[in-house]
Amino acid sequence: MTEPNNISPIEQYVIDYVIKLRNKHNLNQEDIATILDVKRTFITNVEGAKNRAKYNLTHVNKLADHFGLSPKEFLPEKSL
């Protein structure tokens, strides 16, 4: 039985943006976990299809600060 996807489109957008950012800067999940002060398994759960976890606004703010971005850059221009 397939587990339901409990990630909304906007949450998936943020996850995809962080993955692109991570890849662009040649970082791994451990690096993102260090930036966010969380365990690597949290990042694995955010990026994985099973045991879905989500980034929150504090995570977005920490990532934006680390990369010198505005938190609004993690969101789409228009609602999804």
N, C-alpha and C. Protein backbone atom coordinates (compact mmCIF):
# COMPACT_ATOMS: atom_id res chain seq x y z
N MET A 1 0.84 -1.19 0.00
CA MET A 1 0.00 0.00 0.00
C MET A 1 0.88 1.25 0.00
N THR A 2 0.58 2.19 -0.84
CA THR A 2 1.34 3.43 -0.92
C THR A 2 0.89 4.39 0.17
N GLU A 3 1.88 5.02 0.83
CA GLU A 3 1.55 5.98 1.87
C GLU A 3 1.11 7.28 1.22
N PRO A 4 0.13 7.96 1.83
CA PRO A 4 -0.29 9.24 1.26
C PRO A 4 0.81 10.29 1.36
N ASN A 5 0.88 11.14 0.37
CA ASN A 5 1.87 12.21 0.36
C ASN A 5 1.28 13.36 1.17
N ASN A 6 1.87 13.62 2.33
CA ASN A 6 1.33 14.66 3.19
C ASN A 6 2.02 16.01 2.99
N ILE A 7 2.63 16.18 1.84
CA ILE A 7 3.33 17.42 1.52
C ILE A 7 2.49 18.23 0.55
N SER A 8 2.23 19.47 0.91
CA SER A 8 1.45 20.34 0.02
C SER A 8 2.37 20.84 -1.10
N PRO A 9 1.78 21.37 -2.17
CA PRO A 9 2.60 21.87 -3.27
C PRO A 9 3.61 22.95 -2.83
N ILE A 10 3.23 23.83 -1.94
CA ILE A 10 4.16 24.88 -1.52
C ILE A 10 5.29 24.31 -0.68
N GLU A 11 4.98 23.31 0.14
CA GLU A 11 6.03 22.65 0.92
C GLU A 11 7.00 21.92 0.01
N GLN A 12 6.48 21.27 -1.03
CA GLN A 12 7.34 20.58 -1.99
C GLN A 12 8.20 21.58 -2.76
N TYR A 13 7.65 22.74 -3.07
CA TYR A 13 8.41 23.78 -3.76
C TYR A 13 9.63 24.18 -2.93
N VAL A 14 9.42 24.39 -1.62
CA VAL A 14 10.53 24.77 -0.73
C VAL A 14 11.56 23.65 -0.67
N ILE A 15 11.10 22.42 -0.54
CA ILE A 15 12.01 21.27 -0.50
C ILE A 15 12.84 21.21 -1.78
N ASP A 16 12.19 21.35 -2.93
CA ASP A 16 12.89 21.30 -4.21
C ASP A 16 13.90 22.46 -4.33
N TYR A 17 13.53 23.62 -3.84
CA TYR A 17 14.43 24.77 -3.89
C TYR A 17 15.68 24.51 -3.05
N VAL A 18 15.49 23.95 -1.87
CA VAL A 18 16.64 23.65 -1.00
C VAL A 18 17.53 22.58 -1.65
N ILE A 19 16.94 21.59 -2.27
CA ILE A 19 17.73 20.56 -2.96
C ILE A 19 18.55 21.20 -4.08
N LYS A 20 17.92 22.08 -4.88
CA LYS A 20 18.66 22.76 -5.96
C LYS A 20 19.79 23.60 -5.39
N LEU A 21 19.53 24.30 -4.32
CA LEU A 21 20.53 25.14 -3.67
C LEU A 21 21.68 24.27 -3.14
N ARG A 22 21.31 23.16 -2.54
CA ARG A 22 22.31 22.23 -2.00
C ARG A 22 23.21 21.69 -3.11
N ASN A 23 22.59 21.30 -4.21
CA ASN A 23 23.36 20.77 -5.34
C ASN A 23 24.24 21.84 -5.99
N LYS A 24 23.68 23.05 -6.12
CA LYS A 24 24.43 24.16 -6.73
C LYS A 24 25.71 24.46 -5.95
N HIS A 25 25.65 24.32 -4.64
CA HIS A 25 26.79 24.64 -3.79
C HIS A 25 27.59 23.39 -3.40
N ASN A 26 27.30 22.27 -4.08
CA ASN A 26 28.00 21.01 -3.83
C ASN A 26 28.00 20.63 -2.35
N LEU A 27 26.83 20.74 -1.74
CA LEU A 27 26.67 20.37 -0.34
C LEU A 27 25.92 19.05 -0.25
N ASN A 28 26.11 18.36 0.84
CA ASN A 28 25.36 17.12 1.06
C ASN A 28 24.33 17.35 2.16
N GLN A 29 23.57 16.32 2.47
CA GLN A 29 22.52 16.44 3.48
C GLN A 29 23.11 16.78 4.85
N GLU A 30 24.26 16.25 5.15
CA GLU A 30 24.91 16.55 6.43
C GLU A 30 25.23 18.04 6.55
N ASP A 31 25.66 18.64 5.45
CA ASP A 31 25.97 20.08 5.46
C ASP A 31 24.71 20.90 5.77
N ILE A 32 23.60 20.54 5.13
CA ILE A 32 22.35 21.26 5.39
C ILE A 32 21.91 21.04 6.84
N ALA A 33 22.08 19.83 7.32
CA ALA A 33 21.73 19.53 8.72
C ALA A 33 22.55 20.39 9.68
N THR A 34 23.82 20.57 9.38
CA THR A 34 24.69 21.40 10.23
C THR A 34 24.22 22.85 10.22
N ILE A 35 23.88 23.36 9.05
CA ILE A 35 23.39 24.74 8.94
C ILE A 35 22.13 24.92 9.79
N LEU A 36 21.25 23.92 9.77
CA LEU A 36 19.98 24.02 10.46
C LEU A 36 20.04 23.53 11.91
N ASP A 37 21.18 22.98 12.30
CA ASP A 37 21.34 22.43 13.64
C ASP A 37 20.30 21.33 13.92
N VAL A 38 20.19 20.42 12.94
CA VAL A 38 19.33 19.25 13.06
C VAL A 38 20.15 18.02 12.69
N LYS A 39 19.57 16.85 12.88
CA LYS A 39 20.26 15.62 12.49
C LYS A 39 20.11 15.39 10.99
N ARG A 40 21.09 14.70 10.42
CA ARG A 40 21.04 14.40 8.99
C ARG A 40 19.78 13.61 8.65
N THR A 41 19.32 12.77 9.56
CA THR A 41 18.12 11.97 9.28
C THR A 41 16.90 12.85 9.04
N PHE A 42 16.87 14.04 9.65
CA PHE A 42 15.76 14.96 9.39
C PHE A 42 15.79 15.38 7.92
N ILE A 43 16.96 15.71 7.41
CA ILE A 43 17.08 16.13 6.00
C ILE A 43 16.71 14.96 5.09
N THR A 44 17.15 13.76 5.45
CA THR A 44 16.78 12.57 4.68
C THR A 44 15.27 12.42 4.63
N ASN A 45 14.61 12.64 5.77
CA ASN A 45 13.15 12.52 5.81
C ASN A 45 12.47 13.64 5.02
N VAL A 46 13.04 14.83 5.01
CA VAL A 46 12.48 15.92 4.22
C VAL A 46 12.56 15.58 2.74
N GLU A 47 13.70 15.07 2.31
CA GLU A 47 13.93 14.81 0.88
C GLU A 47 13.37 13.47 0.41
N GLY A 48 13.10 12.57 1.32
CA GLY A 48 12.62 11.25 0.95
C GLY A 48 11.12 11.18 0.77
N ALA A 49 10.65 10.13 0.11
CA ALA A 49 9.22 9.96 -0.13
C ALA A 49 8.51 9.31 1.05
N LYS A 50 9.26 8.67 1.92
CA LYS A 50 8.69 7.99 3.08
C LYS A 50 9.06 8.77 4.33
N ASN A 51 8.21 8.72 5.36
CA ASN A 51 8.47 9.43 6.61
C ASN A 51 8.72 10.91 6.36
N ARG A 52 7.85 11.54 5.59
CA ARG A 52 8.04 12.92 5.18
C ARG A 52 8.11 13.89 6.37
N ALA A 53 9.10 14.73 6.32
CA ALA A 53 9.25 15.84 7.26
C ALA A 53 9.19 17.12 6.43
N LYS A 54 9.07 18.26 7.09
CA LYS A 54 8.93 19.52 6.37
C LYS A 54 9.85 20.57 6.96
N TYR A 55 10.31 21.47 6.12
CA TYR A 55 11.03 22.64 6.60
C TYR A 55 10.01 23.60 7.20
N ASN A 56 10.41 24.31 8.24
CA ASN A 56 9.54 25.35 8.79
C ASN A 56 10.16 26.72 8.50
N LEU A 57 9.51 27.76 8.94
CA LEU A 57 10.00 29.11 8.64
C LEU A 57 11.35 29.40 9.29
N THR A 58 11.60 28.83 10.44
CA THR A 58 12.91 29.01 11.08
C THR A 58 14.00 28.37 10.24
N HIS A 59 13.73 27.19 9.67
CA HIS A 59 14.69 26.53 8.79
C HIS A 59 14.97 27.41 7.57
N VAL A 60 13.90 27.91 6.96
CA VAL A 60 14.05 28.76 5.77
C VAL A 60 14.88 29.99 6.11
N ASN A 61 14.61 30.58 7.26
CA ASN A 61 15.35 31.78 7.66
C ASN A 61 16.84 31.48 7.86
N LYS A 62 17.15 30.34 8.49
CA LYS A 62 18.55 29.96 8.71
C LYS A 62 19.26 29.71 7.37
N LEU A 63 18.59 29.03 6.46
CA LEU A 63 19.18 28.76 5.14
C LEU A 63 19.38 30.06 4.37
N ALA A 64 18.39 30.93 4.41
CA ALA A 64 18.50 32.22 3.71
C ALA A 64 19.68 33.01 4.26
N ASP A 65 19.83 33.04 5.57
CA ASP A 65 20.94 33.75 6.20
C ASP A 65 22.28 33.14 5.77
N HIS A 66 22.37 31.83 5.80
CA HIS A 66 23.61 31.15 5.44
C HIS A 66 24.03 31.46 4.01
N PHE A 67 23.07 31.46 3.09
CA PHE A 67 23.38 31.65 1.67
C PHE A 67 23.28 33.12 1.23
N GLY A 68 23.00 34.01 2.15
CA GLY A 68 22.90 35.43 1.81
C GLY A 68 21.70 35.74 0.93
N LEU A 69 20.59 35.04 1.17
CA LEU A 69 19.38 35.22 0.39
C LEU A 69 18.27 35.79 1.27
N SER A 70 17.21 36.22 0.63
CA SER A 70 16.01 36.60 1.36
C SER A 70 15.15 35.35 1.53
N PRO A 71 14.49 35.19 2.66
CA PRO A 71 13.59 34.04 2.82
C PRO A 71 12.54 33.96 1.72
N LYS A 72 12.15 35.10 1.16
CA LYS A 72 11.12 35.07 0.11
C LYS A 72 11.60 34.38 -1.16
N GLU A 73 12.92 34.25 -1.33
CA GLU A 73 13.44 33.55 -2.51
C GLU A 73 13.16 32.05 -2.46
N PHE A 74 12.77 31.55 -1.31
CA PHE A 74 12.45 30.13 -1.15
C PHE A 74 11.01 29.83 -1.53
N LEU A 75 10.25 30.88 -1.85
CA LEU A 75 8.83 30.73 -2.17
C LEU A 75 8.57 31.09 -3.63
N PRO A 76 7.52 30.51 -4.21
CA PRO A 76 7.18 30.85 -5.60
C PRO A 76 6.64 32.27 -5.68
N GLU A 77 6.70 32.84 -6.88
CA GLU A 77 6.18 34.19 -7.09
C GLU A 77 4.69 34.27 -6.87
N LYS A 78 3.98 33.25 -7.31
CA LYS A 78 2.53 33.21 -7.18
C LYS A 78 2.11 32.00 -6.36
N SER A 79 0.93 32.08 -5.80
CA SER A 79 0.44 30.94 -5.00
C SER A 79 0.31 29.70 -5.86
N LEU A 80 0.40 28.57 -5.21
CA LEU A 80 0.29 27.28 -5.93
C LEU A 80 -1.04 26.63 -5.63
